[in-house]
């Protein structure tokens, strides 16, 4: 079959650690594909996409288990049950006060949920002539500090070749189910760092689906909004972002962020459906990649309620992101 799924150890590992398996999904006709590390938070580790005769590496992440364990940039992390920050980790829900574990001490916040370093299970694999997919799942019993609400989070990573296209598209679809007996607050985000074969981001240009930036205080928590102009053509040369945005969908069911390389005349397109009305853009100090982070809720949504979903017992939330080159 043109689309295949294979595995191999991800290592080398230290002698006292559990082996990690890397799953490779590949279009054998174009060499496009991606890899997933289920035991490392279910993260997408590699992504290769093609435009014409050129194959591009479009995802930046650490190369070894040791580097991933030491990584503090949340490369490709799945962010759940909350993305971004909760002030002091403290929030109130249905009349009860809760305290999450703080893990961003510089700004005194709880950051990016707690599934990013949990072991996921592979629950489904599909191979076919025009697609392949891998589904990973994390089942939570309600035993983390400050979040006593059981859930099941499944993420499907799929690679498809649209009819008539010579290139493939990555799909990332999440589904979260409240498996507990009470209501629970949830929000989801994804934290990939994108690159075009490691070209410095100062050489790139960006288009954002937004005319509204969310302003932050010194603790990187939202305090308001302001107009964001010239979003259709942003030079990233010496430009720094650590900024949430409110997404403009217009009359479409999705919105796209575009990263364009004038050198390669290639555009990386990151699309999000209406389940993701927020977006964070972050430029790391190393400037070898740019984080484009679709979010279902705003920063500190556990306190503000902005975009927050409340799930009753047995209810679910879902959304879809896709990545392609043109």
C-alpha atoms as a PDB file:
ATOM      1  CA  UNK A   1       0.000   0.000   0.000  1.00  0.00           C
ATOM      2  CA  UNK A   2       1.212   3.561  -0.645  1.00  0.00           C
ATOM      3  CA  UNK A   3       0.485   4.510   3.001  1.00  0.00           C
ATOM      4  CA  UNK A   4       2.165   2.407   5.687  1.00  0.00           C
ATOM      5  CA  UNK A   5       2.630   2.342   9.471  1.00  0.00           C
ATOM      6  CA  UNK A   6       5.845   0.980  10.969  1.00  0.00           C
ATOM      7  CA  UNK A   7       7.551   1.168  14.375  1.00  0.00           C
ATOM      8  CA  UNK A   8      11.047   1.313  15.770  1.00  0.00           C
ATOM      9  CA  UNK A   9      12.643   2.089  19.147  1.00  0.00           C
ATOM     10  CA  UNK A  10      13.204   5.759  19.919  1.00  0.00           C
ATOM     11  CA  UNK A  11      16.589   6.037  21.539  1.00  0.00           C
ATOM     12  CA  UNK A  12      19.144   5.240  22.664  1.00  0.00           C
ATOM     13  CA  UNK A  13      17.707   5.180  26.156  1.00  0.00           C
ATOM     14  CA  UNK A  14      19.380   5.168  29.548  1.00  0.00           C
ATOM     15  CA  UNK A  15      19.534   1.666  31.052  1.00  0.00           C
ATOM     16  CA  UNK A  16      17.084   2.429  33.859  1.00  0.00           C
ATOM     17  CA  UNK A  17      14.333   3.872  31.627  1.00  0.00           C
ATOM     18  CA  UNK A  18      11.396   2.267  29.854  1.00  0.00           C
ATOM     19  CA  UNK A  19      11.876   1.839  26.081  1.00  0.00           C
ATOM     20  CA  UNK A  20       9.913   4.222  23.861  1.00  0.00           C
ATOM     21  CA  UNK A  21       8.349   3.228  20.542  1.00  0.00           C
ATOM     22  CA  UNK A  22       8.161   5.652  17.636  1.00  0.00           C
ATOM     23  CA  UNK A  23       5.353   5.084  15.129  1.00  0.00           C
ATOM     24  CA  UNK A  24       6.046   6.134  11.527  1.00  0.00           C
ATOM     25  CA  UNK A  25       3.203   6.896   9.110  1.00  0.00           C
ATOM     26  CA  UNK A  26       4.487   7.292   5.547  1.00  0.00           C
ATOM     27  CA  UNK A  27       3.324   7.857   1.998  1.00  0.00           C
ATOM     28  CA  UNK A  28       5.777   5.537   0.237  1.00  0.00           C
ATOM     29  CA  UNK A  29       5.176   7.187  -3.139  1.00  0.00           C
ATOM     30  CA  UNK A  30       6.141  10.713  -2.003  1.00  0.00           C
ATOM     31  CA  UNK A  31       8.192   9.991   1.186  1.00  0.00           C
ATOM     32  CA  UNK A  32       5.883  12.331   3.090  1.00  0.00           C
ATOM     33  CA  UNK A  33       4.965  11.264   6.581  1.00  0.00           C
ATOM     34  CA  UNK A  34       5.090  11.834  10.294  1.00  0.00           C
ATOM     35  CA  UNK A  35       6.004  10.064  13.498  1.00  0.00           C
ATOM     36  CA  UNK A  36       4.310   9.873  16.896  1.00  0.00           C
ATOM     37  CA  UNK A  37       5.684   9.061  20.354  1.00  0.00           C
ATOM     38  CA  UNK A  38       2.696   7.707  22.316  1.00  0.00           C
ATOM     39  CA  UNK A  39       4.642   7.235  25.567  1.00  0.00           C
ATOM     40  CA  UNK A  40       5.845  10.849  25.428  1.00  0.00           C
ATOM     41  CA  UNK A  41       2.493  12.576  25.824  1.00  0.00           C
ATOM     42  CA  UNK A  42       1.163  11.249  22.511  1.00  0.00           C
ATOM     43  CA  UNK A  43       3.228  13.900  20.738  1.00  0.00           C
ATOM     44  CA  UNK A  44       3.777  14.358  17.016  1.00  0.00           C
ATOM     45  CA  UNK A  45       7.559  14.134  16.679  1.00  0.00           C
ATOM     46  CA  UNK A  46       8.394  14.469  12.977  1.00  0.00           C
ATOM     47  CA  UNK A  47       6.533  15.794   9.939  1.00  0.00           C
ATOM     48  CA  UNK A  48       7.669  15.769   6.310  1.00  0.00           C
ATOM     49  CA  UNK A  49       5.564  17.277   3.513  1.00  0.00           C
ATOM     50  CA  UNK A  50       6.223  17.794  -0.172  1.00  0.00           C
ATOM     51  CA  UNK A  51       5.790  20.619  -2.630  1.00  0.00           C
ATOM     52  CA  UNK A  52       6.655  19.578  -6.175  1.00  0.00           C
ATOM     53  CA  UNK A  53       9.978  17.748  -6.121  1.00  0.00           C
ATOM     54  CA  UNK A  54      11.059  19.137  -2.739  1.00  0.00           C
ATOM     55  CA  UNK A  55      10.485  17.340   0.565  1.00  0.00           C
ATOM     56  CA  UNK A  56      10.442  19.661   3.591  1.00  0.00           C
ATOM     57  CA  UNK A  57      10.876  18.977   7.269  1.00  0.00           C
ATOM     58  CA  UNK A  58       8.203  21.226   8.777  1.00  0.00           C
ATOM     59  CA  UNK A  59       8.279  20.363  12.494  1.00  0.00           C
ATOM     60  CA  UNK A  60      11.000  21.169  15.020  1.00  0.00           C
ATOM     61  CA  UNK A  61      11.346  18.968  18.107  1.00  0.00           C
ATOM     62  CA  UNK A  62      14.138  17.444  20.227  1.00  0.00           C
ATOM     63  CA  UNK A  63      16.055  14.551  18.663  1.00  0.00           C
ATOM     64  CA  UNK A  64      16.531  12.227  21.638  1.00  0.00           C
ATOM     65  CA  UNK A  65      14.588  10.955  24.662  1.00  0.00           C
ATOM     66  CA  UNK A  66      16.971  12.782  26.975  1.00  0.00           C
ATOM     67  CA  UNK A  67      16.454  16.057  25.091  1.00  0.00           C
ATOM     68  CA  UNK A  68      12.677  15.591  25.155  1.00  0.00           C
ATOM     69  CA  UNK A  69      12.674  14.951  28.902  1.00  0.00           C
ATOM     70  CA  UNK A  70      14.711  18.118  29.418  1.00  0.00           C
ATOM     71  CA  UNK A  71      12.647  20.188  26.983  1.00  0.00           C
ATOM     72  CA  UNK A  72      10.868  23.147  28.584  1.00  0.00           C
ATOM     73  CA  UNK A  73       9.382  24.527  25.352  1.00  0.00           C
ATOM     74  CA  UNK A  74       6.492  22.010  25.144  1.00  0.00           C
ATOM     75  CA  UNK A  75       7.430  20.975  21.608  1.00  0.00           C
ATOM     76  CA  UNK A  76       4.368  19.481  19.852  1.00  0.00           C
ATOM     77  CA  UNK A  77       2.669  19.044  23.232  1.00  0.00           C
ATOM     78  CA  UNK A  78      -1.018  18.219  23.546  1.00  0.00           C
ATOM     79  CA  UNK A  79      -2.449  20.788  25.977  1.00  0.00           C
ATOM     80  CA  UNK A  80      -5.324  19.476  28.075  1.00  0.00           C
ATOM     81  CA  UNK A  81      -7.512  19.880  30.148  1.00  0.00           C
ATOM     82  CA  UNK A  82      -6.392  23.507  29.799  1.00  0.00           C
ATOM     83  CA  UNK A  83      -3.999  25.186  27.373  1.00  0.00           C
ATOM     84  CA  UNK A  84      -1.763  28.085  28.308  1.00  0.00           C
ATOM     85  CA  UNK A  85      -2.038  29.556  31.801  1.00  0.00           C
ATOM     86  CA  UNK A  86      -4.176  29.516  34.943  1.00  0.00           C
ATOM     87  CA  UNK A  87      -3.173  32.227  37.390  1.00  0.00           C
ATOM     88  CA  UNK A  88      -1.537  30.623  40.461  1.00  0.00           C
ATOM     89  CA  UNK A  89      -3.245  27.404  39.301  1.00  0.00           C
ATOM     90  CA  UNK A  90      -6.324  28.536  41.240  1.00  0.00           C
ATOM     91  CA  UNK A  91      -9.865  28.539  39.848  1.00  0.00           C
ATOM     92  CA  UNK A  92     -13.452  28.095  40.984  1.00  0.00           C
ATOM     93  CA  UNK A  93     -15.913  25.745  39.318  1.00  0.00           C
ATOM     94  CA  UNK A  94     -19.509  25.028  40.336  1.00  0.00           C
ATOM     95  CA  UNK A  95     -18.963  26.764  43.656  1.00  0.00           C
ATOM     96  CA  UNK A  96     -15.807  24.841  44.605  1.00  0.00           C
ATOM     97  CA  UNK A  97     -12.245  26.237  44.681  1.00  0.00           C
ATOM     98  CA  UNK A  98      -9.438  24.146  43.154  1.00  0.00           C
ATOM     99  CA  UNK A  99      -5.648  24.501  43.109  1.00  0.00           C
ATOM    100  CA  UNK A 100      -3.703  23.015  40.203  1.00  0.00           C
ATOM    101  CA  UNK A 101      -0.011  22.249  40.486  1.00  0.00           C
ATOM    102  CA  UNK A 102       2.055  25.279  39.426  1.00  0.00           C
ATOM    103  CA  UNK A 103       4.729  24.480  36.835  1.00  0.00           C
ATOM    104  CA  UNK A 104       5.618  27.959  35.554  1.00  0.00           C
ATOM    105  CA  UNK A 105       7.259  29.488  38.596  1.00  0.00           C
ATOM    106  CA  UNK A 106       8.658  32.589  36.904  1.00  0.00           C
ATOM    107  CA  UNK A 107       5.137  33.866  36.199  1.00  0.00           C
ATOM    108  CA  UNK A 108       3.401  31.970  39.031  1.00  0.00           C
ATOM    109  CA  UNK A 109       1.015  29.988  36.839  1.00  0.00           C
ATOM    110  CA  UNK A 110      -0.161  26.488  36.095  1.00  0.00           C
ATOM    111  CA  UNK A 111       0.814  25.951  32.465  1.00  0.00           C
ATOM    112  CA  UNK A 112      -0.449  23.754  29.602  1.00  0.00           C
ATOM    113  CA  UNK A 113      -2.456  21.149  31.485  1.00  0.00           C
ATOM    114  CA  UNK A 114      -0.935  17.846  32.535  1.00  0.00           C
ATOM    115  CA  UNK A 115      -1.240  15.290  29.708  1.00  0.00           C
ATOM    116  CA  UNK A 116       1.862  16.511  27.798  1.00  0.00           C
ATOM    117  CA  UNK A 117       4.144  14.094  29.683  1.00  0.00           C
ATOM    118  CA  UNK A 118       1.709  11.219  30.251  1.00  0.00           C
ATOM    119  CA  UNK A 119       1.852   7.853  28.448  1.00  0.00           C
ATOM    120  CA  UNK A 120      -0.820   7.478  25.772  1.00  0.00           C
ATOM    121  CA  UNK A 121      -1.979   4.165  24.313  1.00  0.00           C
ATOM    122  CA  UNK A 122      -2.308   3.388  20.620  1.00  0.00           C
ATOM    123  CA  UNK A 123      -5.960   2.409  20.192  1.00  0.00           C
ATOM    124  CA  UNK A 124      -6.339   2.332  16.417  1.00  0.00           C
ATOM    125  CA  UNK A 125      -4.251   2.127  13.243  1.00  0.00           C
ATOM    126  CA  UNK A 126      -5.497   2.393   9.652  1.00  0.00           C
ATOM    127  CA  UNK A 127      -3.617   1.943   6.374  1.00  0.00           C
ATOM    128  CA  UNK A 128      -5.013   2.411   2.893  1.00  0.00           C
ATOM    129  CA  UNK A 129      -4.248   3.461  -0.676  1.00  0.00           C
ATOM    130  CA  UNK A 130      -4.993   7.148  -0.012  1.00  0.00           C
ATOM    131  CA  UNK A 131      -4.558   7.583   3.741  1.00  0.00           C
ATOM    132  CA  UNK A 132      -3.177   6.264   7.008  1.00  0.00           C
ATOM    133  CA  UNK A 133      -3.939   7.240  10.582  1.00  0.00           C
ATOM    134  CA  UNK A 134      -2.906   6.534  14.144  1.00  0.00           C
ATOM    135  CA  UNK A 135      -5.145   7.200  17.157  1.00  0.00           C
ATOM    136  CA  UNK A 136      -3.710   7.561  20.657  1.00  0.00           C
ATOM    137  CA  UNK A 137      -5.658   7.894  23.889  1.00  0.00           C
ATOM    138  CA  UNK A 138      -5.096   8.897  27.493  1.00  0.00           C
ATOM    139  CA  UNK A 139      -7.600   7.850  30.145  1.00  0.00           C
ATOM    140  CA  UNK A 140      -7.542   9.978  33.275  1.00  0.00           C
ATOM    141  CA  UNK A 141      -8.929   8.792  36.605  1.00  0.00           C
ATOM    142  CA  UNK A 142      -9.307  12.210  38.263  1.00  0.00           C
ATOM    143  CA  UNK A 143      -6.250  11.920  40.512  1.00  0.00           C
ATOM    144  CA  UNK A 144      -4.193  15.012  39.600  1.00  0.00           C
ATOM    145  CA  UNK A 145      -4.099  17.865  42.136  1.00  0.00           C
ATOM    146  CA  UNK A 146      -6.760  20.450  41.435  1.00  0.00           C
ATOM    147  CA  UNK A 147      -8.613  18.543  38.718  1.00  0.00           C
ATOM    148  CA  UNK A 148     -10.789  15.719  40.125  1.00  0.00           C
ATOM    149  CA  UNK A 149     -12.700  15.228  36.850  1.00  0.00           C
ATOM    150  CA  UNK A 150     -12.104  11.962  34.951  1.00  0.00           C
ATOM    151  CA  UNK A 151     -11.866  12.119  31.169  1.00  0.00           C
ATOM    152  CA  UNK A 152     -10.709  10.246  28.103  1.00  0.00           C
ATOM    153  CA  UNK A 153      -8.693  12.205  25.530  1.00  0.00           C
ATOM    154  CA  UNK A 154      -8.169  10.698  22.065  1.00  0.00           C
ATOM    155  CA  UNK A 155      -6.104  12.270  19.268  1.00  0.00           C
ATOM    156  CA  UNK A 156      -6.143  11.007  15.690  1.00  0.00           C
ATOM    157  CA  UNK A 157      -3.136  11.847  13.519  1.00  0.00           C
ATOM    158  CA  UNK A 158      -3.902  11.201   9.861  1.00  0.00           C
ATOM    159  CA  UNK A 159      -2.078  11.584   6.552  1.00  0.00           C
ATOM    160  CA  UNK A 160      -4.253  11.937   3.455  1.00  0.00           C
ATOM    161  CA  UNK A 161      -3.586  12.540  -0.210  1.00  0.00           C
ATOM    162  CA  UNK A 162      -6.517  14.530  -1.631  1.00  0.00           C
ATOM    163  CA  UNK A 163      -7.807  13.387  -5.004  1.00  0.00           C
ATOM    164  CA  UNK A 164      -5.844  14.974  -7.841  1.00  0.00           C
ATOM    165  CA  UNK A 165      -3.076  16.206  -5.519  1.00  0.00           C
ATOM    166  CA  UNK A 166       0.561  15.146  -5.569  1.00  0.00           C
ATOM    167  CA  UNK A 167       0.990  16.211  -1.929  1.00  0.00           C
ATOM    168  CA  UNK A 168      -0.320  14.913   1.383  1.00  0.00           C
ATOM    169  CA  UNK A 169      -2.098  16.681   4.244  1.00  0.00           C
ATOM    170  CA  UNK A 170      -1.686  16.113   7.983  1.00  0.00           C
ATOM    171  CA  UNK A 171      -4.889  16.019  10.062  1.00  0.00           C
ATOM    172  CA  UNK A 172      -4.935  16.327  13.859  1.00  0.00           C
ATOM    173  CA  UNK A 173      -8.347  15.604  15.409  1.00  0.00           C
ATOM    174  CA  UNK A 174      -8.998  15.584  19.137  1.00  0.00           C
ATOM    175  CA  UNK A 175     -11.965  14.215  21.054  1.00  0.00           C
ATOM    176  CA  UNK A 176     -12.393  14.542  24.812  1.00  0.00           C
ATOM    177  CA  UNK A 177     -15.111  12.751  26.785  1.00  0.00           C
ATOM    178  CA  UNK A 178     -16.203  13.443  30.353  1.00  0.00           C
ATOM    179  CA  UNK A 179     -16.062   9.967  31.923  1.00  0.00           C
ATOM    180  CA  UNK A 180     -16.955  11.195  35.392  1.00  0.00           C
ATOM    181  CA  UNK A 181     -20.260  11.658  37.210  1.00  0.00           C
ATOM    182  CA  UNK A 182     -20.169  15.480  37.493  1.00  0.00           C
ATOM    183  CA  UNK A 183     -19.710  18.409  35.133  1.00  0.00           C
ATOM    184  CA  UNK A 184     -16.150  19.383  34.192  1.00  0.00           C
ATOM    185  CA  UNK A 185     -14.376  22.363  32.521  1.00  0.00           C
ATOM    186  CA  UNK A 186     -12.196  21.555  29.485  1.00  0.00           C
ATOM    187  CA  UNK A 187     -10.103  23.322  26.859  1.00  0.00           C
ATOM    188  CA  UNK A 188      -7.635  21.930  24.333  1.00  0.00           C
ATOM    189  CA  UNK A 189      -4.579  23.245  22.520  1.00  0.00           C
ATOM    190  CA  UNK A 190      -1.671  22.034  20.411  1.00  0.00           C
ATOM    191  CA  UNK A 191       1.882  23.444  20.652  1.00  0.00           C
ATOM    192  CA  UNK A 192       3.858  22.611  17.459  1.00  0.00           C
ATOM    193  CA  UNK A 193       6.987  24.494  16.391  1.00  0.00           C
ATOM    194  CA  UNK A 194       7.015  24.887  12.620  1.00  0.00           C
ATOM    195  CA  UNK A 195       9.939  25.291  10.267  1.00  0.00           C
ATOM    196  CA  UNK A 196      10.681  24.973   6.558  1.00  0.00           C
ATOM    197  CA  UNK A 197      13.726  22.684   6.571  1.00  0.00           C
ATOM    198  CA  UNK A 198      15.170  24.782   9.432  1.00  0.00           C
ATOM    199  CA  UNK A 199      15.292  28.038   7.486  1.00  0.00           C
ATOM    200  CA  UNK A 200      15.700  30.895  10.026  1.00  0.00           C
ATOM    201  CA  UNK A 201      12.338  32.482  10.719  1.00  0.00           C
ATOM    202  CA  UNK A 202      13.838  35.915  10.024  1.00  0.00           C
ATOM    203  CA  UNK A 203      13.681  34.923   6.339  1.00  0.00           C
ATOM    204  CA  UNK A 204       9.947  34.139   6.463  1.00  0.00           C
ATOM    205  CA  UNK A 205       6.674  36.036   6.180  1.00  0.00           C
ATOM    206  CA  UNK A 206       3.362  35.251   7.897  1.00  0.00           C
ATOM    207  CA  UNK A 207      -0.354  35.767   7.341  1.00  0.00           C
ATOM    208  CA  UNK A 208      -2.619  35.582  10.395  1.00  0.00           C
ATOM    209  CA  UNK A 209      -6.409  35.033  10.447  1.00  0.00           C
ATOM    210  CA  UNK A 210      -6.928  37.800  12.978  1.00  0.00           C
ATOM    211  CA  UNK A 211      -7.405  41.516  13.373  1.00  0.00           C
ATOM    212  CA  UNK A 212      -7.516  41.367  17.182  1.00  0.00           C
ATOM    213  CA  UNK A 213      -4.585  40.715  19.512  1.00  0.00           C
ATOM    214  CA  UNK A 214      -5.137  39.825  23.158  1.00  0.00           C
ATOM    215  CA  UNK A 215      -3.046  41.991  25.482  1.00  0.00           C
ATOM    216  CA  UNK A 216      -1.210  40.372  28.394  1.00  0.00           C
ATOM    217  CA  UNK A 217       0.126  41.598  31.710  1.00  0.00           C
ATOM    218  CA  UNK A 218       3.561  40.860  33.185  1.00  0.00           C
ATOM    219  CA  UNK A 219       2.389  37.386  34.188  1.00  0.00           C
ATOM    220  CA  UNK A 220       1.287  36.671  30.591  1.00  0.00           C
ATOM    221  CA  UNK A 221      -2.405  36.707  31.494  1.00  0.00           C
ATOM    222  CA  UNK A 222      -5.037  38.476  29.357  1.00  0.00           C
ATOM    223  CA  UNK A 223      -6.128  41.954  30.361  1.00  0.00           C
ATOM    224  CA  UNK A 224      -7.817  43.188  27.175  1.00  0.00           C
ATOM    225  CA  UNK A 225      -7.773  43.375  23.389  1.00  0.00           C
ATOM    226  CA  UNK A 226      -6.298  45.691  20.779  1.00  0.00           C
ATOM    227  CA  UNK A 227      -6.484  45.973  16.982  1.00  0.00           C
ATOM    228  CA  UNK A 228      -3.853  44.046  15.049  1.00  0.00           C
ATOM    229  CA  UNK A 229      -3.116  45.579  11.655  1.00  0.00           C
ATOM    230  CA  UNK A 230      -1.404  44.315   8.505  1.00  0.00           C
ATOM    231  CA  UNK A 231      -2.052  40.678   9.420  1.00  0.00           C
ATOM    232  CA  UNK A 232      -2.070  39.729   5.726  1.00  0.00           C
ATOM    233  CA  UNK A 233       1.679  40.194   5.305  1.00  0.00           C
ATOM    234  CA  UNK A 234       3.929  40.137   8.369  1.00  0.00           C
ATOM    235  CA  UNK A 235       7.699  40.058   8.021  1.00  0.00           C
ATOM    236  CA  UNK A 236       9.227  37.885  10.739  1.00  0.00           C
ATOM    237  CA  UNK A 237      12.605  39.586  10.388  1.00  0.00           C
ATOM    238  CA  UNK A 238      13.602  40.540  13.951  1.00  0.00           C
ATOM    239  CA  UNK A 239       9.911  40.271  14.922  1.00  0.00           C
ATOM    240  CA  UNK A 240       9.099  38.712  18.304  1.00  0.00           C
ATOM    241  CA  UNK A 241       5.756  37.183  19.279  1.00  0.00           C
ATOM    242  CA  UNK A 242       4.354  35.712  22.451  1.00  0.00           C
ATOM    243  CA  UNK A 243       0.829  36.770  21.625  1.00  0.00           C
ATOM    244  CA  UNK A 244      -2.679  35.299  21.722  1.00  0.00           C
ATOM    245  CA  UNK A 245      -5.133  36.277  18.985  1.00  0.00           C
ATOM    246  CA  UNK A 246      -8.877  36.106  18.508  1.00  0.00           C
ATOM    247  CA  UNK A 247      -9.436  34.226  15.237  1.00  0.00           C
ATOM    248  CA  UNK A 248     -11.501  35.695  12.398  1.00  0.00           C
ATOM    249  CA  UNK A 249     -13.397  32.994  10.484  1.00  0.00           C
ATOM    250  CA  UNK A 250     -15.515  35.275   8.310  1.00  0.00           C
ATOM    251  CA  UNK A 251     -17.995  33.136   6.388  1.00  0.00           C
ATOM    252  CA  UNK A 252     -15.747  30.052   6.386  1.00  0.00           C
ATOM    253  CA  UNK A 253     -15.752  26.970   8.615  1.00  0.00           C
ATOM    254  CA  UNK A 254     -12.004  27.225   9.165  1.00  0.00           C
ATOM    255  CA  UNK A 255      -9.186  29.767   9.388  1.00  0.00           C
ATOM    256  CA  UNK A 256      -5.610  29.522   8.120  1.00  0.00           C
ATOM    257  CA  UNK A 257      -2.259  30.774   9.349  1.00  0.00           C
ATOM    258  CA  UNK A 258       0.296  30.865   6.525  1.00  0.00           C
ATOM    259  CA  UNK A 259       4.079  30.877   6.719  1.00  0.00           C
ATOM    260  CA  UNK A 260       5.747  31.800   3.419  1.00  0.00           C
ATOM    261  CA  UNK A 261       9.371  31.310   2.412  1.00  0.00           C
ATOM    262  CA  UNK A 262      10.356  33.707  -0.398  1.00  0.00           C
ATOM    263  CA  UNK A 263      13.537  31.682  -0.895  1.00  0.00           C
ATOM    264  CA  UNK A 264      11.658  28.445  -1.596  1.00  0.00           C
ATOM    265  CA  UNK A 265       8.423  30.099  -2.815  1.00  0.00           C
ATOM    266  CA  UNK A 266       6.629  27.678  -0.509  1.00  0.00           C
ATOM    267  CA  UNK A 267       3.766  28.294   1.912  1.00  0.00           C
ATOM    268  CA  UNK A 268       3.081  26.272   5.044  1.00  0.00           C
ATOM    269  CA  UNK A 269      -0.644  26.368   5.848  1.00  0.00           C
ATOM    270  CA  UNK A 270      -1.955  25.611   9.343  1.00  0.00           C
ATOM    271  CA  UNK A 271      -5.754  25.484   9.436  1.00  0.00           C
ATOM    272  CA  UNK A 272      -8.113  25.213  12.411  1.00  0.00           C
ATOM    273  CA  UNK A 273     -11.853  24.659  12.486  1.00  0.00           C
ATOM    274  CA  UNK A 274     -14.324  26.741  14.471  1.00  0.00           C
ATOM    275  CA  UNK A 275     -13.694  24.682  17.593  1.00  0.00           C
ATOM    276  CA  UNK A 276     -10.497  26.740  17.866  1.00  0.00           C
ATOM    277  CA  UNK A 277     -11.467  30.439  18.110  1.00  0.00           C
ATOM    278  CA  UNK A 278      -8.088  31.391  19.618  1.00  0.00           C
ATOM    279  CA  UNK A 279      -4.499  31.212  18.436  1.00  0.00           C
ATOM    280  CA  UNK A 280      -1.123  31.865  20.065  1.00  0.00           C
ATOM    281  CA  UNK A 281       1.988  32.784  18.079  1.00  0.00           C
ATOM    282  CA  UNK A 282       5.358  32.385  19.814  1.00  0.00           C
ATOM    283  CA  UNK A 283       8.866  32.964  18.485  1.00  0.00           C
ATOM    284  CA  UNK A 284      11.458  31.101  20.587  1.00  0.00           C
ATOM    285  CA  UNK A 285      14.778  32.859  21.324  1.00  0.00           C
ATOM    286  CA  UNK A 286      16.683  30.396  19.092  1.00  0.00           C
ATOM    287  CA  UNK A 287      14.624  31.680  16.104  1.00  0.00           C
ATOM    288  CA  UNK A 288      14.846  28.406  14.179  1.00  0.00           C
ATOM    289  CA  UNK A 289      11.082  27.823  14.264  1.00  0.00           C
ATOM    290  CA  UNK A 290       7.771  29.458  15.140  1.00  0.00           C
ATOM    291  CA  UNK A 291       5.031  28.071  17.376  1.00  0.00           C
ATOM    292  CA  UNK A 292       1.516  28.315  15.918  1.00  0.00           C
ATOM    293  CA  UNK A 293      -0.826  27.138  18.680  1.00  0.00           C
ATOM    294  CA  UNK A 294      -4.563  26.678  17.984  1.00  0.00           C
ATOM    295  CA  UNK A 295      -6.582  26.889  21.225  1.00  0.00           C
ATOM    296  CA  UNK A 296     -10.222  26.167  21.962  1.00  0.00           C
ATOM    297  CA  UNK A 297     -10.191  28.728  24.785  1.00  0.00           C
ATOM    298  CA  UNK A 298      -8.389  31.882  25.799  1.00  0.00           C
ATOM    299  CA  UNK A 299      -5.481  32.092  28.210  1.00  0.00           C
ATOM    300  CA  UNK A 300      -6.690  31.724  31.833  1.00  0.00           C
ATOM    301  CA  UNK A 301     -10.075  30.471  30.604  1.00  0.00           C
ATOM    302  CA  UNK A 302     -10.603  28.451  33.806  1.00  0.00           C
ATOM    303  CA  UNK A 303     -11.076  31.822  35.486  1.00  0.00           C
ATOM    304  CA  UNK A 304     -12.503  34.008  32.719  1.00  0.00           C
ATOM    305  CA  UNK A 305     -14.688  31.400  30.998  1.00  0.00           C
ATOM    306  CA  UNK A 306     -13.620  32.753  27.584  1.00  0.00           C
ATOM    307  CA  UNK A 307     -14.040  29.812  25.207  1.00  0.00           C
ATOM    308  CA  UNK A 308     -14.270  27.311  28.054  1.00  0.00           C
ATOM    309  CA  UNK A 309     -16.372  24.191  27.410  1.00  0.00           C
ATOM    310  CA  UNK A 310     -18.404  22.636  30.222  1.00  0.00           C
ATOM    311  CA  UNK A 311     -19.076  18.940  29.669  1.00  0.00           C
ATOM    312  CA  UNK A 312     -21.787  17.011  31.465  1.00  0.00           C
ATOM    313  CA  UNK A 313     -21.255  13.322  32.265  1.00  0.00           C
ATOM    314  CA  UNK A 314     -20.775  11.436  28.994  1.00  0.00           C
ATOM    315  CA  UNK A 315     -20.577  14.606  26.889  1.00  0.00           C
ATOM    316  CA  UNK A 316     -17.683  15.270  24.523  1.00  0.00           C
ATOM    317  CA  UNK A 317     -15.789  18.068  22.796  1.00  0.00           C
ATOM    318  CA  UNK A 318     -13.848  17.765  19.548  1.00  0.00           C
ATOM    319  CA  UNK A 319     -11.987  19.775  16.935  1.00  0.00           C
ATOM    320  CA  UNK A 320      -9.686  19.504  13.940  1.00  0.00           C
ATOM    321  CA  UNK A 321      -6.409  21.041  12.749  1.00  0.00           C
ATOM    322  CA  UNK A 322      -4.661  20.332   9.462  1.00  0.00           C
ATOM    323  CA  UNK A 323      -1.279  21.183   7.962  1.00  0.00           C
ATOM    324  CA  UNK A 324      -0.260  21.321   4.295  1.00  0.00           C
ATOM    325  CA  UNK A 325       2.210  22.895   1.861  1.00  0.00           C
ATOM    326  CA  UNK A 326       1.435  24.879  -1.261  1.00  0.00           C
END
